[in-house]
Amino acid sequence: MAALNAAPVRQSGPLEVLVEERWHQVWVRLNPEALTLSCEGDPGTGSYLDNNNTNSNNVPPGARCAATERVPEAIANRKRCVRVSKQEVGGLGISIKGGKENRMPILISKIFTGLAADQTQALFVGDAILSVNGRNLRDSTHDEAVQVLKRAGRQVTLEVKYMREASPCVKKGSPVAEIGWETPPPESPRLGGTPTSEPPSPSTQPSVPLQGDGRSFPLKMCYATRAMTTPDPENRQLELHSPDAKHTVVLRCPDQPSALTWFSAMHSVTSALAQRGQAEVIQNTARTGVAGSKEIRHLGWLAGKTETEKQSWRPVLVVVTEKDLLLYDSLPRGKEAWQSPAHIYPLLATRLVHSGPDRGSPHSGTELFFATRTGTRLGIETHLFRAETTKDLSLWTRQIVNGCHTSAEMIKEVTTSCLYLGQECRLVIHYEQGFSVLADPKHEDAEAEEDGGAVTPTKPTVLLSYPYEKLKMSSDDGIRMLFLDFGGKEGEIQLDLHSCPKPIVFILHTFLSAKIARLGLVA
């Protein structure tokens, strides 16, 4: 924890955090490892009242709070007047919370040990401040009460009343402490642990570090984004998603320029940490590989959804390997989890179909969007993805396109069974040599056996063979038929692939695209 505190601060300032559908003021600090939220100056949890600075950073370490306060029964629900002499350092020495906007009276939430209010021995945590030097605070907002107390002079007369029914409001902890987050805290994406190792019990698992009224969220493998889980019509919110994709911190900035500044800083930190995380994952999976692939080329978070999904975007951890596109619903926390992605899409049968601003988004032209389509035995699967910056968009589209081309050069040949002119055959598509339709050797051997002849291994008969440059047209019926026209004497070639032709169609496109790219042209 000391290391986090010692890290240089990249960005700091007052923002709002969304907790249980209410906004609370917090002080936010961003350093290269973590995001820290504290409730200094938060109307929901109290403002420290100093002579010169309402939200002083020189708050004394010792304070009386509701959990330890002993209030005499004789004063309950009775008005009292207490005179307090402000001090040069520390002022009144109290924190207040509540106000009309919070549907609460102005309550003393803390009394700092040794300062003016504590020295009176007549004020208690949970006292409602009804008036200050005769100025009525019963219907005041939190900020109005702060200003009245600041301007009250050296000698202050407080009319107070201890209200037991309001004590739960004072005893309630900082709203920051109510933010759910991943346990154990997000560390490096370690692959340690054996399949038989038992997870630690909840009582022994470390929680996100707490610092007084503050909380620190380690940023390694977290996802910084905007407008994913909550509406943001004013375009001034930020979202931080935990590595397990189950928890979110939503922050609101004062205006759009400050939101852009904060997001840029947070995105820079999470991107740098993601590169470290990727290096560790690559090192830890060097021997075992990932989900049938040998190596990871790129990984990171994107906002994603399928074309048929109506719900909003959700975090998706996307991994590009030498041959596959892997999608995870959360950051895998063990070796077995890395071997079991939610989706595996062969890059050879995948194509990038759109890249640029999301024309259908509420903020048209501001969301950076791309889509992938994969040919499968069940048809075409389309996934929509949203990147956070133009640099991210360029990186991801380049990784996917290059991955498709590299996969084509590595695999080189794909073979599938088919029916051509009523004969069982094999369609062979070769990266260099083009198309071939071969008579199925098993079918030819079976015919020879029926004729009573000796069965000897024979080279399959080539029924058709064409290079790529001869291809005039290709199409399919989306069910099982593939149509190819090479301009030959046989006319249009009809191949029954026995199942959905989309995988072959997409593989054909990838081979052609890779060959064009190899020639230095744009595919």
Protein backbone atom coordinates (compact mmCIF):
# COMPACT_ATOMS: atom_id res chain seq x y z
CA MET A 1 0.00 0.00 0.00
CA ALA A 2 2.90 2.32 0.73
CA ALA A 3 4.03 1.89 -2.87
CA LEU A 4 0.65 3.09 -4.11
CA ASN A 5 0.73 6.12 -1.86
CA ALA A 6 4.26 6.97 -2.97
CA ALA A 7 3.49 6.77 -6.67
CA PRO A 8 3.45 10.12 -8.48
CA VAL A 9 -0.01 11.59 -9.01
CA ARG A 10 -0.97 11.95 -12.68
CA GLN A 11 -4.28 13.71 -12.08
CA SER A 12 -6.31 14.83 -9.06
CA GLY A 13 -9.40 16.87 -8.38
CA PRO A 14 -13.03 16.88 -7.20
CA LEU A 15 -15.44 14.65 -9.13
CA GLU A 16 -18.69 12.85 -8.37
CA VAL A 17 -19.13 9.10 -7.98
CA LEU A 18 -22.38 7.18 -8.55
CA VAL A 19 -23.30 4.95 -5.60
CA GLU A 20 -26.72 3.34 -5.30
CA GLU A 21 -28.17 5.66 -7.97
CA ARG A 22 -27.02 8.81 -6.14
CA TRP A 23 -24.11 11.11 -6.95
CA HIS A 24 -21.59 11.86 -4.18
CA GLN A 25 -18.74 14.35 -4.23
CA VAL A 26 -15.29 12.76 -3.92
CA TRP A 27 -11.68 13.75 -4.31
CA VAL A 28 -10.02 11.58 -6.96
CA ARG A 29 -6.31 10.87 -7.37
CA LEU A 30 -4.86 8.99 -10.32
CA ASN A 31 -1.34 7.57 -10.22
CA PRO A 32 0.44 5.07 -12.50
CA GLU A 33 -0.87 2.10 -10.50
CA ALA A 34 -4.21 3.00 -8.93
CA LEU A 35 -7.24 5.26 -8.72
CA THR A 36 -7.98 6.58 -5.22
CA LEU A 37 -11.33 8.01 -4.15
CA SER A 38 -11.74 9.87 -0.85
CA CYS A 39 -14.68 11.70 0.64
CA GLU A 40 -12.96 14.97 1.46
CA GLY A 41 -15.54 17.67 0.95
CA ASP A 42 -18.36 15.26 0.17
CA PRO A 43 -21.74 16.67 1.30
CA GLY A 44 -22.95 13.13 1.86
CA THR A 45 -20.19 12.23 4.30
CA GLY A 46 -19.13 15.55 5.76
CA SER A 47 -17.12 18.74 5.27
CA TYR A 48 -14.33 19.46 7.71
CA LEU A 49 -14.75 22.99 9.06
CA ASP A 50 -11.50 24.92 9.35
CA ASN A 51 -11.07 28.68 9.73
CA ASN A 52 -9.60 29.16 6.29
CA ASN A 53 -10.42 26.06 4.30
CA THR A 54 -13.64 24.08 4.52
CA ASN A 55 -11.96 21.01 3.08
CA SER A 56 -8.59 21.31 4.72
CA ASN A 57 -6.04 18.60 4.10
CA ASN A 58 -4.70 19.18 7.64
CA VAL A 59 -7.49 17.30 9.35
CA PRO A 60 -6.34 16.02 12.78
CA PRO A 61 -5.89 12.26 12.85
CA GLY A 62 -8.07 11.62 15.92
CA ALA A 63 -11.84 12.02 15.69
CA ARG A 64 -14.94 11.00 17.61
CA CYS A 65 -17.46 9.17 15.45
CA ALA A 66 -20.95 7.72 15.85
CA ALA A 67 -19.68 4.19 16.44
CA THR A 68 -17.81 5.19 19.61
CA GLU A 69 -19.90 8.14 20.84
CA ARG A 70 -21.64 7.83 24.22
CA VAL A 71 -24.56 10.25 24.44
CA PRO A 72 -26.31 10.91 27.80
CA GLU A 73 -29.97 9.95 27.79
CA ALA A 74 -30.87 13.30 29.39
CA ILE A 75 -30.01 15.32 26.28
CA ALA A 76 -31.82 13.20 23.71
CA ASN A 77 -34.29 15.23 21.62
CA ARG A 78 -33.75 18.39 23.70
CA LYS A 79 -32.54 21.69 22.30
CA ARG A 80 -29.24 23.00 23.70
CA CYS A 81 -27.13 26.08 23.07
CA VAL A 82 -23.39 25.56 23.07
CA ARG A 83 -20.75 28.32 22.78
CA VAL A 84 -17.63 27.41 20.85
CA SER A 85 -14.46 29.49 20.46
CA LYS A 86 -12.84 28.85 17.09
CA GLN A 87 -9.13 28.10 17.10
CA GLU A 88 -6.50 29.56 14.80
CA VAL A 89 -5.65 26.06 13.59
CA GLY A 90 -8.55 23.66 13.17
CA GLY A 91 -11.43 26.13 13.43
CA LEU A 92 -14.52 24.53 14.95
CA GLY A 93 -12.99 21.06 14.60
CA ILE A 94 -16.08 19.32 13.28
CA SER A 95 -17.31 17.65 10.11
CA ILE A 96 -20.93 18.01 9.03
CA LYS A 97 -23.15 16.08 6.68
CA GLY A 98 -26.71 16.30 5.44
CA GLY A 99 -28.71 19.25 4.13
CA LYS A 100 -32.03 19.86 2.44
CA GLU A 101 -30.87 18.30 -0.83
CA ASN A 102 -30.06 15.08 1.07
CA ARG A 103 -33.39 15.13 2.97
CA MET A 104 -31.42 15.31 6.20
CA PRO A 105 -30.83 17.95 8.89
CA ILE A 106 -27.34 19.42 9.19
CA LEU A 107 -25.66 16.80 11.39
CA ILE A 108 -22.30 16.74 13.16
CA SER A 109 -20.66 13.63 11.68
CA LYS A 110 -17.22 13.93 13.35
CA ILE A 111 -15.68 15.84 16.23
CA PHE A 112 -11.90 16.04 16.05
CA THR A 113 -10.08 15.29 19.26
CA GLY A 114 -8.52 18.25 21.05
CA LEU A 115 -10.07 20.96 18.87
CA ALA A 116 -12.67 23.58 19.75
CA ALA A 117 -15.87 21.52 19.61
CA ASP A 118 -14.27 18.64 21.50
CA GLN A 119 -13.04 20.99 24.24
CA THR A 120 -16.60 22.11 25.05
CA GLN A 121 -17.51 18.53 26.09
CA ALA A 122 -21.07 19.58 25.23
CA LEU A 123 -21.32 18.58 21.58
CA PHE A 124 -21.88 15.07 20.27
CA VAL A 125 -21.64 13.24 16.96
CA GLY A 126 -25.26 13.05 15.81
CA ASP A 127 -26.22 16.52 17.02
CA ALA A 128 -28.38 18.38 14.51
CA ILE A 129 -27.32 22.03 14.14
CA LEU A 130 -30.56 24.01 14.18
CA SER A 131 -29.03 27.50 14.09
CA VAL A 132 -25.68 29.33 14.15
CA ASN A 133 -25.56 32.65 16.03
CA GLY A 134 -29.33 32.81 15.57
CA ARG A 135 -29.21 32.01 11.80
CA ASN A 136 -31.74 29.23 11.15
CA LEU A 137 -30.27 26.17 9.39
CA ARG A 138 -33.34 23.93 9.56
CA ASP A 139 -34.09 24.31 5.85
CA SER A 140 -30.57 24.98 4.55
CA THR A 141 -28.57 23.07 2.00
CA HIS A 142 -25.21 21.57 2.89
CA ASP A 143 -23.26 24.32 1.12
CA GLU A 144 -25.34 27.04 2.77
CA ALA A 145 -24.61 25.56 6.20
CA VAL A 146 -20.89 25.39 5.43
CA GLN A 147 -20.80 29.07 4.47
CA VAL A 148 -22.75 30.14 7.58
CA LEU A 149 -20.39 28.23 9.86
CA LYS A 150 -17.31 29.61 8.11
CA ARG A 151 -18.50 33.21 8.47
CA ALA A 152 -19.74 32.90 12.03
CA GLY A 153 -16.72 34.66 13.58
CA ARG A 154 -14.49 33.57 16.44
CA GLN A 155 -17.28 33.10 18.99
CA VAL A 156 -19.99 30.77 17.74
CA THR A 157 -23.26 29.87 19.43
CA LEU A 158 -24.69 26.63 18.16
CA GLU A 159 -28.30 25.65 18.79
CA VAL A 160 -28.25 21.83 18.60
CA LYS A 161 -30.51 18.89 19.26
CA TYR A 162 -29.43 15.25 19.49
CA MET A 163 -31.81 13.23 17.32
CA ARG A 164 -31.61 9.48 17.83
CA GLU A 165 -33.71 8.84 14.74
CA ALA A 166 -30.98 10.53 12.64
CA SER A 167 -28.09 8.58 14.16
CA PRO A 168 -28.11 5.87 11.44
CA CYS A 169 -27.38 8.63 8.89
CA VAL A 170 -24.26 9.55 10.83
CA LYS A 171 -23.19 5.98 11.51
CA LYS A 172 -23.49 5.07 7.85
CA GLY A 173 -20.05 4.69 6.34
CA SER A 174 -18.52 6.51 3.43
CA PRO A 175 -20.37 5.90 0.15
CA VAL A 176 -17.01 5.05 -1.38
CA ALA A 177 -16.84 2.03 0.93
CA GLU A 178 -20.10 0.77 -0.57
CA ILE A 179 -18.67 0.44 -4.08
CA GLY A 180 -18.41 -3.24 -5.01
CA TRP A 181 -15.12 -4.42 -6.48
CA GLU A 182 -13.27 -7.59 -7.33
CA THR A 183 -11.96 -9.68 -4.44
CA PRO A 184 -9.10 -10.50 -4.33
CA PRO A 185 -7.97 -7.18 -5.80
CA PRO A 186 -6.93 -7.18 -9.46
CA GLU A 187 -3.27 -8.05 -9.57
CA SER A 188 -1.22 -9.17 -12.54
CA PRO A 189 -3.09 -11.74 -14.68
CA ARG A 190 -1.28 -14.61 -13.02
CA LEU A 191 -1.76 -18.15 -14.21
CA GLY A 192 -0.47 -19.66 -11.03
CA GLY A 193 -2.26 -22.23 -8.98
CA THR A 194 -3.06 -25.83 -9.76
CA PRO A 195 -6.48 -27.13 -10.75
CA THR A 196 -6.84 -28.72 -7.32
CA SER A 197 -5.93 -25.62 -5.32
CA GLU A 198 -8.82 -24.30 -3.25
CA PRO A 199 -9.67 -20.59 -3.45
CA PRO A 200 -9.18 -18.65 -0.22
CA SER A 201 -12.24 -18.17 1.91
CA PRO A 202 -13.96 -14.76 1.78
CA SER A 203 -12.76 -13.99 5.31
CA THR A 204 -9.12 -14.37 4.31
CA GLN A 205 -9.27 -12.72 0.90
CA PRO A 206 -7.76 -9.23 0.83
CA SER A 207 -10.12 -6.40 -0.06
CA VAL A 208 -9.49 -3.20 -1.96
CA PRO A 209 -7.29 -1.06 0.32
CA LEU A 210 -9.14 1.49 2.44
CA GLN A 211 -7.56 4.71 3.60
CA GLY A 212 -9.75 6.46 6.15
CA ASP A 213 -12.76 7.63 4.16
CA GLY A 214 -10.94 6.74 0.92
CA ARG A 215 -10.45 3.70 -1.22
CA SER A 216 -7.78 2.71 -3.71
CA PHE A 217 -8.57 0.69 -6.85
CA PRO A 218 -5.56 -1.00 -8.52
CA LEU A 219 -5.81 -0.39 -12.26
CA LYS A 220 -3.97 -3.39 -13.67
CA MET A 221 -6.14 -5.03 -16.36
CA CYS A 222 -9.05 -2.70 -15.59
CA TYR A 223 -11.08 -1.23 -18.44
CA ALA A 224 -11.55 2.54 -18.72
CA THR A 225 -14.45 3.55 -20.95
CA ARG A 226 -17.34 5.98 -21.32
CA ALA A 227 -21.14 5.77 -21.61
CA MET A 228 -21.38 1.98 -21.39
CA THR A 229 -23.53 1.22 -18.35
CA THR A 230 -25.21 4.56 -17.57
CA PRO A 231 -26.74 7.22 -19.87
CA ASP A 232 -24.44 10.20 -20.35
CA PRO A 233 -26.38 12.87 -22.29
CA GLU A 234 -23.96 15.59 -21.14
CA ASN A 235 -20.90 13.54 -22.17
CA ARG A 236 -19.04 14.11 -18.90
CA GLN A 237 -18.91 10.67 -17.27
CA LEU A 238 -16.14 8.08 -16.98
CA GLU A 239 -16.40 4.37 -16.21
CA LEU A 240 -13.85 2.01 -14.70
CA HIS A 241 -14.67 -1.70 -15.00
CA SER A 242 -13.03 -4.33 -12.81
CA PRO A 243 -11.05 -7.20 -14.41
CA ASP A 244 -13.83 -9.65 -13.56
CA ALA A 245 -16.26 -7.36 -15.46
CA LYS A 246 -18.72 -7.51 -12.55
CA HIS A 247 -18.12 -4.12 -10.93
CA THR A 248 -18.03 -0.55 -12.21
CA VAL A 249 -16.98 2.81 -10.80
CA VAL A 250 -18.88 5.62 -12.54
CA LEU A 251 -17.43 9.12 -12.18
CA ARG A 252 -18.91 12.43 -13.33
CA CYS A 253 -16.78 15.45 -14.19
CA PRO A 254 -17.84 19.12 -13.98
CA ASP A 255 -17.87 19.59 -17.77
CA GLN A 256 -16.94 17.97 -21.08
CA PRO A 257 -13.36 19.34 -21.32
CA SER A 258 -12.48 18.07 -17.84
CA ALA A 259 -14.09 14.69 -18.66
CA LEU A 260 -11.88 14.43 -21.74
CA THR A 261 -8.78 15.32 -19.72
CA TRP A 262 -9.59 12.80 -17.00
CA PHE A 263 -10.40 10.05 -19.48
CA SER A 264 -7.20 10.63 -21.44
CA ALA A 265 -5.15 10.35 -18.26
CA MET A 266 -6.99 7.24 -17.05
CA HIS A 267 -6.84 5.57 -20.46
CA SER A 268 -3.11 6.25 -20.67
CA VAL A 269 -2.52 4.55 -17.30
CA THR A 270 -4.73 1.51 -18.00
CA SER A 271 -3.19 1.07 -21.46
CA ALA A 272 0.35 1.06 -20.04
CA LEU A 273 -0.67 -1.47 -17.38
CA ALA A 274 -2.42 -3.62 -20.01
CA GLN A 275 0.85 -3.86 -21.96
CA ARG A 276 2.55 -5.14 -18.81
CA GLY A 277 -0.29 -7.57 -18.26
CA GLN A 278 -0.03 -8.85 -21.84
CA ALA A 279 3.70 -9.45 -21.45
CA GLU A 280 3.06 -11.49 -18.30
CA VAL A 281 0.31 -13.55 -19.92
CA ILE A 282 2.53 -14.28 -22.94
CA GLN A 283 5.35 -15.37 -20.64
CA ASN A 284 3.08 -17.60 -18.55
CA THR A 285 1.41 -19.26 -21.56
CA ALA A 286 4.57 -19.78 -23.61
CA ARG A 287 4.57 -23.55 -22.93
CA THR A 288 0.86 -24.36 -22.77
CA GLY A 289 -0.52 -21.97 -25.37
CA VAL A 290 -4.05 -20.57 -25.15
CA ALA A 291 -7.20 -22.38 -26.30
CA GLY A 292 -5.38 -24.39 -28.97
CA SER A 293 -3.18 -21.52 -30.14
CA LYS A 294 0.55 -21.32 -29.59
CA GLU A 295 1.01 -17.62 -28.95
CA ILE A 296 -0.82 -14.41 -28.13
CA ARG A 297 -0.26 -11.55 -30.57
CA HIS A 298 -2.45 -8.93 -28.86
CA LEU A 299 -5.01 -8.65 -26.07
CA GLY A 300 -7.10 -5.95 -24.45
CA TRP A 301 -10.56 -4.73 -23.55
CA LEU A 302 -13.19 -3.59 -26.01
CA ALA A 303 -16.87 -2.79 -25.72
CA GLY A 304 -18.73 -5.52 -27.57
CA LYS A 305 -22.09 -6.99 -28.51
CA THR A 306 -23.47 -9.25 -31.23
CA GLU A 307 -25.48 -7.89 -34.13
CA THR A 308 -28.72 -9.43 -32.82
CA GLU A 309 -28.30 -8.19 -29.24
CA LYS A 310 -30.47 -5.24 -28.26
CA GLN A 311 -28.77 -4.54 -24.94
CA SER A 312 -26.05 -1.97 -24.48
CA TRP A 313 -22.35 -2.57 -24.86
CA ARG A 314 -20.53 -4.82 -22.38
CA PRO A 315 -16.82 -5.32 -21.63
CA VAL A 316 -15.14 -8.03 -23.70
CA LEU A 317 -11.54 -9.16 -23.33
CA VAL A 318 -10.36 -9.81 -26.88
CA VAL A 319 -7.28 -11.92 -27.65
CA VAL A 320 -5.69 -12.25 -31.10
CA THR A 321 -3.48 -15.34 -31.52
CA GLU A 322 -1.60 -16.60 -34.56
CA LYS A 323 -4.79 -18.27 -35.86
CA ASP A 324 -7.83 -17.39 -33.74
CA LEU A 325 -9.86 -14.52 -32.35
CA LEU A 326 -10.74 -15.34 -28.72
CA LEU A 327 -13.44 -13.55 -26.69
CA TYR A 328 -13.57 -13.72 -22.88
CA ASP A 329 -16.33 -12.34 -20.65
CA SER A 330 -13.76 -11.47 -17.97
CA LEU A 331 -10.04 -11.67 -17.29
CA PRO A 332 -9.14 -15.36 -16.81
CA ARG A 333 -7.66 -16.02 -13.36
CA GLY A 334 -6.17 -19.47 -13.90
CA LYS A 335 -4.72 -21.81 -16.51
CA GLU A 336 -8.00 -23.59 -17.13
CA ALA A 337 -9.87 -20.31 -17.56
CA TRP A 338 -7.44 -19.21 -20.28
CA GLN A 339 -8.18 -22.44 -22.16
CA SER A 340 -11.95 -21.81 -22.14
CA PRO A 341 -12.90 -18.56 -23.87
CA ALA A 342 -16.56 -17.71 -24.38
CA HIS A 343 -16.01 -17.74 -28.17
CA ILE A 344 -13.31 -18.98 -30.55
CA TYR A 345 -13.37 -17.65 -34.11
CA PRO A 346 -10.80 -18.83 -36.69
CA LEU A 347 -9.12 -15.80 -38.23
CA LEU A 348 -9.03 -17.63 -41.57
CA ALA A 349 -12.85 -17.56 -41.65
CA THR A 350 -13.16 -14.03 -40.23
CA ARG A 351 -13.20 -10.67 -41.95
CA LEU A 352 -13.29 -7.05 -40.83
CA VAL A 353 -16.37 -5.46 -42.40
CA HIS A 354 -16.54 -1.93 -41.00
CA SER A 355 -14.25 0.50 -39.22
CA GLY A 356 -14.88 4.10 -38.26
CA PRO A 357 -17.38 6.29 -36.34
CA ASP A 358 -20.52 4.52 -35.18
CA ARG A 359 -23.13 6.18 -37.38
CA GLY A 360 -25.95 4.70 -35.32
CA SER A 361 -24.69 5.87 -31.93
CA PRO A 362 -26.40 8.58 -29.85
CA HIS A 363 -23.28 10.71 -30.29
CA SER A 364 -22.81 10.10 -34.00
CA GLY A 365 -19.21 10.36 -35.07
CA THR A 366 -17.85 10.17 -31.53
CA GLU A 367 -17.92 6.40 -30.94
CA LEU A 368 -15.23 4.43 -32.77
CA PHE A 369 -16.70 1.23 -34.05
CA PHE A 370 -15.72 -1.86 -36.03
CA ALA A 371 -17.32 -5.20 -36.78
CA THR A 372 -16.15 -8.71 -37.55
CA ARG A 373 -18.04 -11.40 -39.44
CA THR A 374 -17.15 -15.07 -39.20
CA GLY A 375 -18.43 -17.85 -41.41
CA THR A 376 -19.58 -20.80 -39.30
CA ARG A 377 -21.48 -24.06 -39.88
CA LEU A 378 -24.55 -22.26 -38.56
CA GLY A 379 -24.18 -19.23 -40.80
CA ILE A 380 -22.54 -15.85 -40.27
CA GLU A 381 -21.78 -14.57 -36.77
CA THR A 382 -21.29 -10.82 -36.51
CA HIS A 383 -19.72 -9.04 -33.54
CA LEU A 384 -19.71 -5.29 -33.04
CA PHE A 385 -16.83 -3.72 -31.14
CA ARG A 386 -16.19 -0.19 -29.87
CA ALA A 387 -12.72 1.21 -29.27
CA GLU A 388 -11.98 4.17 -27.00
CA THR A 389 -9.57 6.20 -29.14
CA THR A 390 -8.64 6.47 -32.81
CA LYS A 391 -5.26 4.99 -31.91
CA ASP A 392 -6.96 1.97 -30.33
CA LEU A 393 -9.22 1.56 -33.35
CA SER A 394 -6.27 1.62 -35.71
CA LEU A 395 -4.32 -0.85 -33.58
CA TRP A 396 -7.16 -3.36 -33.27
CA THR A 397 -8.18 -3.29 -36.94
CA ARG A 398 -4.54 -3.69 -37.99
CA GLN A 399 -4.05 -6.62 -35.60
CA ILE A 400 -7.16 -8.41 -36.88
CA VAL A 401 -6.50 -7.84 -40.58
CA ASN A 402 -2.83 -8.80 -40.25
CA GLY A 403 -3.87 -11.80 -38.17
CA CYS A 404 -6.21 -13.00 -40.91
CA HIS A 405 -3.48 -12.66 -43.53
CA THR A 406 -0.83 -14.33 -41.36
CA SER A 407 -3.24 -17.19 -40.67
CA ALA A 408 -3.75 -17.67 -44.42
CA GLU A 409 -0.01 -17.81 -45.07
CA MET A 410 0.49 -20.25 -42.18
CA ILE A 411 -2.38 -22.67 -42.90
CA LYS A 412 -2.03 -22.50 -46.72
CA GLU A 413 -4.58 -25.20 -47.59
CA VAL A 414 -8.14 -26.06 -46.67
CA THR A 415 -10.00 -29.18 -47.80
CA THR A 416 -13.69 -30.02 -47.47
CA SER A 417 -15.88 -32.81 -48.85
CA CYS A 418 -18.44 -31.93 -51.51
CA LEU A 419 -20.71 -33.38 -54.15
CA TYR A 420 -19.92 -32.43 -57.77
CA LEU A 421 -22.01 -33.73 -60.67
CA GLY A 422 -23.40 -36.43 -58.38
CA GLN A 423 -19.92 -37.65 -57.39
CA GLU A 424 -18.35 -37.47 -53.93
CA CYS A 425 -15.31 -35.22 -54.20
CA ARG A 426 -12.99 -32.99 -52.23
CA LEU A 427 -12.71 -29.24 -52.75
CA VAL A 428 -9.17 -28.04 -52.08
CA ILE A 429 -8.39 -24.32 -51.78
CA HIS A 430 -4.64 -23.65 -51.67
CA TYR A 431 -3.12 -20.27 -50.79
CA GLU A 432 -0.67 -20.46 -53.71
CA GLN A 433 -2.15 -22.89 -56.22
CA GLY A 434 -5.84 -21.93 -56.21
CA PHE A 435 -8.81 -24.30 -56.57
CA SER A 436 -8.98 -28.03 -57.18
CA VAL A 437 -11.86 -30.49 -57.19
CA LEU A 438 -10.58 -34.05 -56.63
CA ALA A 439 -12.43 -37.33 -56.87
CA ASP A 440 -12.76 -38.82 -53.41
CA PRO A 441 -10.19 -41.72 -53.22
CA LYS A 442 -12.45 -43.66 -50.84
CA HIS A 443 -15.28 -43.50 -53.37
CA GLU A 444 -12.99 -44.65 -56.21
CA ASP A 445 -11.60 -47.53 -54.09
CA ALA A 446 -15.14 -48.64 -53.24
CA GLU A 447 -16.04 -48.77 -56.94
CA ALA A 448 -12.91 -50.81 -57.72
CA GLU A 449 -13.76 -53.27 -54.94
CA GLU A 450 -17.29 -53.70 -56.29
CA ASP A 451 -15.82 -54.55 -59.72
CA GLY A 452 -13.74 -57.30 -58.08
CA GLY A 453 -10.45 -55.59 -58.81
CA ALA A 454 -7.53 -55.26 -56.46
CA VAL A 455 -7.62 -52.11 -54.32
CA THR A 456 -4.34 -50.21 -54.43
CA PRO A 457 -3.75 -46.67 -53.19
CA THR A 458 -4.13 -44.31 -56.11
CA LYS A 459 -3.54 -40.63 -56.53
CA PRO A 460 -6.91 -38.83 -56.51
CA THR A 461 -8.20 -37.83 -59.93
CA VAL A 462 -8.20 -34.09 -60.55
CA LEU A 463 -11.59 -33.17 -61.95
CA LEU A 464 -11.05 -29.38 -62.00
CA SER A 465 -8.12 -27.08 -61.30
CA TYR A 466 -7.99 -23.28 -61.62
CA PRO A 467 -5.73 -20.49 -60.31
CA TYR A 468 -7.23 -17.52 -58.45
CA GLU A 469 -6.89 -15.14 -61.39
CA LYS A 470 -9.34 -17.27 -63.41
CA LEU A 471 -12.15 -16.81 -60.88
CA LYS A 472 -14.89 -14.65 -62.44
CA MET A 473 -17.60 -15.00 -59.83
CA SER A 474 -18.41 -16.80 -56.56
CA SER A 475 -21.67 -17.03 -54.63
CA ASP A 476 -23.63 -19.34 -52.36
CA ASP A 477 -27.18 -20.07 -51.27
CA GLY A 478 -26.42 -19.76 -47.56
CA ILE A 479 -27.58 -23.36 -47.00
CA ARG A 480 -25.19 -25.83 -48.65
CA MET A 481 -24.41 -24.83 -52.26
CA LEU A 482 -21.28 -23.01 -53.45
CA PHE A 483 -21.21 -21.57 -56.98
CA LEU A 484 -17.91 -20.83 -58.78
CA ASP A 485 -17.43 -19.51 -62.31
CA PHE A 486 -13.95 -19.64 -63.86
CA GLY A 487 -15.11 -18.88 -67.40
CA GLY A 488 -14.35 -22.47 -68.43
CA LYS A 489 -16.24 -24.75 -70.77
CA GLU A 490 -18.11 -26.37 -67.86
CA GLY A 491 -19.78 -23.04 -67.09
CA GLU A 492 -20.90 -22.34 -63.52
CA ILE A 493 -19.60 -25.00 -61.14
CA GLN A 494 -22.10 -26.10 -58.50
CA LEU A 495 -20.66 -27.76 -55.40
CA ASP A 496 -22.84 -29.28 -52.69
CA LEU A 497 -20.80 -28.83 -49.46
CA HIS A 498 -23.28 -30.86 -47.32
CA SER A 499 -23.49 -27.97 -44.79
CA CYS A 500 -23.45 -24.20 -44.66
CA PRO A 501 -20.94 -22.88 -47.23
CA LYS A 502 -20.10 -19.70 -45.29
CA PRO A 503 -16.83 -20.98 -43.72
CA ILE A 504 -15.44 -21.85 -47.19
CA VAL A 505 -16.67 -18.56 -48.65
CA PHE A 506 -14.93 -16.58 -45.89
CA ILE A 507 -11.74 -18.64 -46.20
CA LEU A 508 -11.71 -17.97 -49.93
CA HIS A 509 -12.04 -14.24 -49.23
CA THR A 510 -9.18 -14.34 -46.68
CA PHE A 511 -6.84 -16.15 -49.11
CA LEU A 512 -7.59 -13.59 -51.82
CA SER A 513 -7.19 -10.67 -49.40
CA ALA A 514 -3.86 -11.99 -48.12
CA LYS A 515 -2.53 -12.46 -51.66
CA ILE A 516 -3.55 -8.92 -52.64
CA ALA A 517 -1.96 -7.50 -49.48
CA ARG A 518 1.23 -9.42 -50.23
CA LEU A 519 1.40 -7.64 -53.57
CA GLY A 520 1.31 -4.30 -51.74
CA LEU A 521 -2.28 -3.52 -52.65
CA VAL A 522 -5.17 -2.78 -50.30
CA ALA A 523 -7.47 -5.76 -49.80
